[in-house]
């Protein structure tokens, strides 16, 4: 149970580091920046939505990798099973 709490804390910290500074990022190519600036100057709000769309597309691969990693962890994790075989005979054939 302690490792589950640790995993949850690490996951929350990782996600918060990815999500929190996202509203400050300006990740656009030169053509997108030019189109966004021109649309904002003319009174449209399409440029603001363009930034949000780019950040959404940037986050999608990280979410997909996190989901695959979580499923892999849940499927292939090792269970702690204590087996006492001192009282049984061992057959080596």
Protein backbone atom coordinates (compact mmCIF):
# COMPACT_ATOMS: atom_id res chain seq x y z
CA UNK A 1 0.00 0.00 0.00
CA UNK A 2 2.93 2.30 0.69
CA UNK A 3 4.26 1.91 -2.83
CA UNK A 4 0.83 2.70 -4.28
CA UNK A 5 0.76 5.98 -2.35
CA UNK A 6 4.28 6.78 -3.54
CA UNK A 7 3.31 6.02 -7.13
CA UNK A 8 0.22 8.24 -6.88
CA UNK A 9 2.27 11.12 -5.43
CA UNK A 10 4.87 10.79 -8.20
CA UNK A 11 2.16 10.65 -10.88
CA UNK A 12 0.38 13.73 -9.49
CA UNK A 13 3.67 15.65 -9.28
CA UNK A 14 4.61 14.66 -12.83
CA UNK A 15 1.23 15.65 -14.23
CA UNK A 16 1.23 18.93 -12.33
CA UNK A 17 4.67 19.80 -13.71
CA UNK A 18 3.36 19.17 -17.21
CA UNK A 19 0.04 20.97 -16.86
CA UNK A 20 0.69 23.99 -14.62
CA UNK A 21 3.13 25.97 -16.77
CA UNK A 22 1.26 25.13 -19.99
CA UNK A 23 -0.73 28.37 -20.08
CA UNK A 24 2.47 30.43 -20.31
CA UNK A 25 4.02 28.49 -23.18
CA UNK A 26 4.00 30.00 -26.65
CA UNK A 27 4.77 27.06 -28.91
CA UNK A 28 4.06 28.07 -32.48
CA UNK A 29 5.84 27.88 -35.77
CA UNK A 30 6.54 31.10 -37.68
CA UNK A 31 3.51 30.83 -39.95
CA UNK A 32 1.14 30.06 -37.09
CA UNK A 33 2.52 32.99 -35.09
CA UNK A 34 2.02 35.35 -38.02
CA UNK A 35 -1.55 34.19 -38.60
CA UNK A 36 -2.39 34.41 -34.90
CA UNK A 37 -0.97 37.94 -34.59
CA UNK A 38 -2.84 39.12 -37.68
CA UNK A 39 -6.12 37.64 -36.49
CA UNK A 40 -5.80 39.21 -33.03
CA UNK A 41 -5.00 42.62 -34.54
CA UNK A 42 -8.14 42.47 -36.65
CA UNK A 43 -10.33 41.77 -33.64
CA UNK A 44 -10.72 38.00 -33.95
CA UNK A 45 -10.04 35.61 -31.08
CA UNK A 46 -8.87 32.71 -33.26
CA UNK A 47 -5.24 33.25 -32.23
CA UNK A 48 -5.96 32.41 -28.60
CA UNK A 49 -7.68 29.19 -29.58
CA UNK A 50 -4.75 28.29 -31.81
CA UNK A 51 -2.38 28.35 -28.83
CA UNK A 52 -4.68 26.10 -26.83
CA UNK A 53 -4.97 23.67 -29.74
CA UNK A 54 -1.21 23.42 -30.13
CA UNK A 55 -0.76 22.72 -26.42
CA UNK A 56 -3.52 20.10 -26.54
CA UNK A 57 -1.79 18.32 -29.42
CA UNK A 58 1.49 18.51 -27.52
CA UNK A 59 0.02 16.83 -24.43
CA UNK A 60 -1.70 13.95 -26.26
CA UNK A 61 1.43 11.75 -26.77
CA UNK A 62 2.42 12.15 -23.12
CA UNK A 63 -1.02 11.05 -21.97
CA UNK A 64 -0.94 8.05 -24.33
CA UNK A 65 2.48 6.95 -23.04
CA UNK A 66 1.30 7.35 -19.44
CA UNK A 67 -1.77 5.19 -20.08
CA UNK A 68 0.29 2.46 -21.77
CA UNK A 69 2.81 2.56 -18.92
CA UNK A 70 0.09 2.28 -16.30
CA UNK A 71 -1.56 -0.66 -18.06
CA UNK A 72 1.82 -2.36 -18.45
CA UNK A 73 2.59 -1.83 -14.77
CA UNK A 74 -0.77 -3.22 -13.67
CA UNK A 75 -0.51 -6.25 -15.95
CA UNK A 76 3.09 -7.31 -15.38
CA UNK A 77 3.83 -6.29 -11.80
CA UNK A 78 5.13 -8.99 -9.54
CA UNK A 79 3.00 -10.18 -6.69
CA UNK A 80 4.63 -10.95 -3.33
CA UNK A 81 3.77 -14.54 -2.59
CA UNK A 82 5.53 -16.35 0.22
CA UNK A 83 5.71 -20.09 -0.38
CA UNK A 84 7.08 -22.42 2.28
CA UNK A 85 8.26 -25.70 0.73
CA UNK A 86 10.36 -27.07 3.60
CA UNK A 87 7.88 -29.81 4.47
CA UNK A 88 7.36 -31.05 0.91
CA UNK A 89 9.47 -33.46 -1.15
CA UNK A 90 11.19 -32.05 -4.19
CA UNK A 91 10.95 -34.18 -7.36
CA UNK A 92 13.63 -33.36 -9.92
CA UNK A 93 12.41 -35.48 -12.84
